Amino acid sequence: MKNKLFYLVLLSLCLVISPFKVRADQKDSRLPSLFEKLQLASPGVESFLIEGKIWSIWLETEDGIIAEQMDGAGRATGKGDYEEALLGYTSIIKRNPNYAEAWNKRALTHYLMGNLTKSLTDINRTLLLEPRHFGALAGQGLIYIAQKKWRLARQALEKALAVHPTMPGPLENLRYVKTQIEGEEI
């Protein structure tokens, strides 16, 4: 399970340093068709490429200041300077509280710092702004796993997989959670 967590964190860190800074966010008109394609995509390269396009769109912003702050906060996260990253993402949220990806990245930072309750709060805000945010849903599942809240973990992971059916981490984590729930019922 640690390998899956590493994969999710690494993927998130790679995407946060994305060079794409155009003009979009969670309301971009390109997203609906990408989510439709994601539903039908084969596991592996095809789904990974579609997922990458979605992440890139979520990271785009017309606001040059936010783009610079996202880059800086992403670099700080990559270096393990979570306090600096947290300050950066908080500044972005203050500037644009409707930018879902800033909430999601701050949730990741809180998670990496062990602040699970704060991470869940930011995940919930992310999901209010972008209910299809499979990364936030998968992260929510990981937190519930850490808290041994198996049924909540199952719900979060099933929601993530309803949006992105081939995500390897949530698929593996869901199998694990189901064994924990079955163990409770015996």
Protein backbone atom coordinates (compact mmCIF):
# COMPACT_ATOMS: atom_id res chain seq x y z
CA MET A 1 0.00 0.00 0.00
CA LYS A 2 2.95 2.34 0.62
CA ASN A 3 3.94 1.96 -3.05
CA LYS A 4 0.48 3.08 -4.13
CA LEU A 5 0.64 6.08 -1.82
CA PHE A 6 4.06 6.94 -3.20
CA TYR A 7 2.66 6.72 -6.75
CA LEU A 8 -0.24 9.05 -5.93
CA VAL A 9 1.98 11.59 -4.19
CA LEU A 10 4.58 11.45 -6.96
CA LEU A 11 1.95 11.89 -9.67
CA SER A 12 0.46 14.81 -7.82
CA LEU A 13 3.86 16.45 -7.38
CA CYS A 14 4.72 16.01 -11.04
CA LEU A 15 1.46 17.57 -12.09
CA VAL A 16 1.71 20.50 -9.69
CA ILE A 17 4.91 21.57 -11.46
CA SER A 18 3.18 21.37 -14.83
CA PRO A 19 4.27 23.94 -17.42
CA PHE A 20 0.68 24.46 -18.60
CA LYS A 21 -0.65 27.87 -17.61
CA VAL A 22 -3.34 28.93 -20.02
CA ARG A 23 -6.82 29.99 -19.02
CA ALA A 24 -8.81 27.24 -17.41
CA ASP A 25 -10.00 25.62 -14.23
CA GLN A 26 -12.58 23.10 -13.14
CA LYS A 27 -15.26 24.76 -15.31
CA ASP A 28 -13.32 24.48 -18.56
CA SER A 29 -15.41 23.42 -21.56
CA ARG A 30 -12.84 20.74 -22.51
CA LEU A 31 -13.45 18.75 -19.33
CA PRO A 32 -16.82 17.07 -20.03
CA SER A 33 -15.54 15.27 -23.13
CA LEU A 34 -12.33 14.26 -21.34
CA PHE A 35 -14.32 12.79 -18.47
CA GLU A 36 -16.45 10.89 -20.99
CA LYS A 37 -13.29 9.52 -22.64
CA LEU A 38 -11.88 8.62 -19.22
CA GLN A 39 -14.94 6.44 -18.56
CA LEU A 40 -14.21 4.41 -21.70
CA ALA A 41 -10.41 4.43 -21.60
CA SER A 42 -8.36 1.29 -21.34
CA PRO A 43 -6.18 0.93 -18.26
CA GLY A 44 -2.61 2.07 -18.70
CA VAL A 45 -1.33 4.58 -21.19
CA GLU A 46 -4.69 5.63 -22.64
CA SER A 47 -6.30 6.47 -19.30
CA PHE A 48 -3.06 7.97 -17.99
CA LEU A 49 -2.88 10.41 -20.93
CA ILE A 50 -6.49 11.51 -20.48
CA GLU A 51 -5.92 11.88 -16.75
CA GLY A 52 -2.88 14.06 -17.47
CA LYS A 53 -4.91 16.34 -19.73
CA ILE A 54 -7.53 16.76 -17.00
CA TRP A 55 -4.87 17.58 -14.38
CA SER A 56 -3.31 20.10 -16.77
CA ILE A 57 -6.63 21.86 -17.24
CA TRP A 58 -7.30 21.91 -13.51
CA LEU A 59 -3.93 23.63 -13.03
CA GLU A 60 -4.42 26.30 -15.70
CA THR A 61 -5.15 29.86 -14.70
CA GLU A 62 -5.34 33.25 -16.41
CA ASP A 63 -4.04 34.90 -13.25
CA GLY A 64 -0.27 35.25 -13.63
CA ILE A 65 0.22 35.80 -9.91
CA ILE A 66 -1.63 32.59 -9.07
CA ALA A 67 0.34 30.73 -11.75
CA GLU A 68 3.62 31.88 -10.17
CA GLN A 69 2.38 31.03 -6.68
CA MET A 70 1.26 27.56 -7.80
CA ASP A 71 4.69 26.96 -9.33
CA GLY A 72 6.41 28.14 -6.15
CA ALA A 73 4.18 26.13 -3.84
CA GLY A 74 4.65 23.07 -6.05
CA ARG A 75 8.43 23.44 -5.92
CA ALA A 76 8.24 23.83 -2.14
CA THR A 77 6.17 20.65 -1.89
CA GLY A 78 8.66 18.84 -4.10
CA LYS A 79 11.51 19.91 -1.79
CA GLY A 80 9.58 18.82 1.29
CA ASP A 81 9.18 22.41 2.51
CA TYR A 82 5.55 21.90 3.46
CA GLU A 83 5.26 25.06 5.56
CA GLU A 84 6.25 27.19 2.55
CA ALA A 85 3.90 25.20 0.31
CA LEU A 86 1.07 25.66 2.78
CA LEU A 87 1.62 29.43 2.84
CA GLY A 88 1.64 29.51 -0.95
CA TYR A 89 -1.57 27.54 -1.39
CA THR A 90 -3.29 29.53 1.34
CA SER A 91 -2.34 32.76 -0.41
CA ILE A 92 -3.79 31.43 -3.67
CA ILE A 93 -7.02 30.41 -1.94
CA LYS A 94 -7.35 33.90 -0.46
CA ARG A 95 -6.83 35.41 -3.91
CA ASN A 96 -9.28 33.03 -5.62
CA PRO A 97 -11.35 30.85 -3.29
CA ASN A 98 -13.03 29.19 -6.29
CA TYR A 99 -9.80 27.71 -7.68
CA ALA A 100 -10.34 24.05 -6.81
CA GLU A 101 -6.81 22.91 -7.53
CA ALA A 102 -5.35 25.24 -4.90
CA TRP A 103 -7.65 23.61 -2.33
CA ASN A 104 -6.63 20.17 -3.57
CA LYS A 105 -2.91 20.92 -3.42
CA ARG A 106 -3.27 22.39 0.05
CA ALA A 107 -5.13 19.21 1.06
CA LEU A 108 -2.20 17.18 -0.24
CA THR A 109 0.22 19.36 1.72
CA HIS A 110 -1.78 18.91 4.91
CA TYR A 111 -1.84 15.16 4.26
CA LEU A 112 1.93 15.06 3.83
CA MET A 113 2.28 16.98 7.11
CA GLY A 114 0.01 14.49 8.89
CA ASN A 115 -2.81 17.01 9.31
CA LEU A 116 -5.55 14.61 8.26
CA THR A 117 -8.51 16.64 9.56
CA LYS A 118 -7.32 19.78 7.78
CA SER A 119 -6.69 17.75 4.65
CA LEU A 120 -10.25 16.41 4.74
CA THR A 121 -11.60 19.94 5.14
CA ASP A 122 -9.72 21.08 2.04
CA ILE A 123 -10.74 17.96 0.12
CA ASN A 124 -14.38 18.70 0.92
CA ARG A 125 -13.95 22.23 -0.45
CA THR A 126 -12.26 20.84 -3.56
CA LEU A 127 -15.20 18.50 -4.11
CA LEU A 128 -17.72 21.31 -3.68
CA LEU A 129 -15.97 23.14 -6.51
CA GLU A 130 -15.19 20.05 -8.63
CA PRO A 131 -17.23 16.97 -7.68
CA ARG A 132 -15.42 14.91 -10.36
CA HIS A 133 -12.00 15.47 -8.74
CA PHE A 134 -10.81 11.88 -8.70
CA GLY A 135 -7.56 12.89 -7.00
CA ALA A 136 -9.38 14.49 -4.09
CA LEU A 137 -11.72 11.51 -3.80
CA ALA A 138 -8.77 9.10 -3.81
CA GLY A 139 -7.04 11.22 -1.18
CA GLN A 140 -10.19 11.20 0.92
CA GLY A 141 -10.14 7.41 0.71
CA LEU A 142 -6.51 7.29 1.85
CA ILE A 143 -7.29 9.45 4.87
CA TYR A 144 -10.22 7.27 5.85
CA ILE A 145 -7.98 4.21 5.49
CA ALA A 146 -5.43 5.81 7.81
CA GLN A 147 -8.26 6.49 10.27
CA LYS A 148 -9.60 2.93 9.86
CA LYS A 149 -12.96 4.32 8.78
CA TRP A 150 -13.47 1.49 6.33
CA ARG A 151 -16.99 2.26 5.10
CA LEU A 152 -16.19 5.92 4.48
CA ALA A 153 -13.02 4.83 2.69
CA ARG A 154 -15.03 2.48 0.51
CA GLN A 155 -17.50 5.24 -0.38
CA ALA A 156 -14.74 7.70 -1.29
CA LEU A 157 -12.81 5.15 -3.37
CA GLU A 158 -15.96 4.00 -5.17
CA LYS A 159 -16.75 7.63 -6.03
CA ALA A 160 -13.20 8.12 -7.33
CA LEU A 161 -13.50 4.99 -9.48
CA ALA A 162 -16.92 6.05 -10.75
CA VAL A 163 -15.16 9.07 -12.27
CA HIS A 164 -11.87 7.37 -13.20
CA PRO A 165 -12.49 3.61 -13.37
CA THR A 166 -8.91 2.53 -14.10
CA MET A 167 -6.96 4.40 -11.40
CA PRO A 168 -4.58 1.77 -10.03
CA GLY A 169 -4.17 3.17 -6.50
CA PRO A 170 -7.88 3.39 -5.68
CA LEU A 171 -8.54 -0.01 -7.27
CA GLU A 172 -5.92 -1.62 -5.03
CA ASN A 173 -7.00 0.38 -1.99
CA LEU A 174 -10.65 -0.57 -2.52
CA ARG A 175 -9.73 -4.27 -2.54
CA TYR A 176 -7.88 -3.77 0.75
CA VAL A 177 -10.77 -1.82 2.32
CA LYS A 178 -13.25 -4.53 1.35
CA THR A 179 -11.16 -7.14 3.16
CA GLN A 180 -11.19 -4.94 6.26
CA ILE A 181 -14.97 -4.54 6.10
CA GLU A 182 -15.41 -8.31 5.60
CA GLY A 183 -13.16 -8.89 8.63
CA GLU A 184 -15.39 -6.67 10.76
CA GLU A 185 -18.50 -8.58 9.70
CA ILE A 186 -17.13 -11.98 10.75
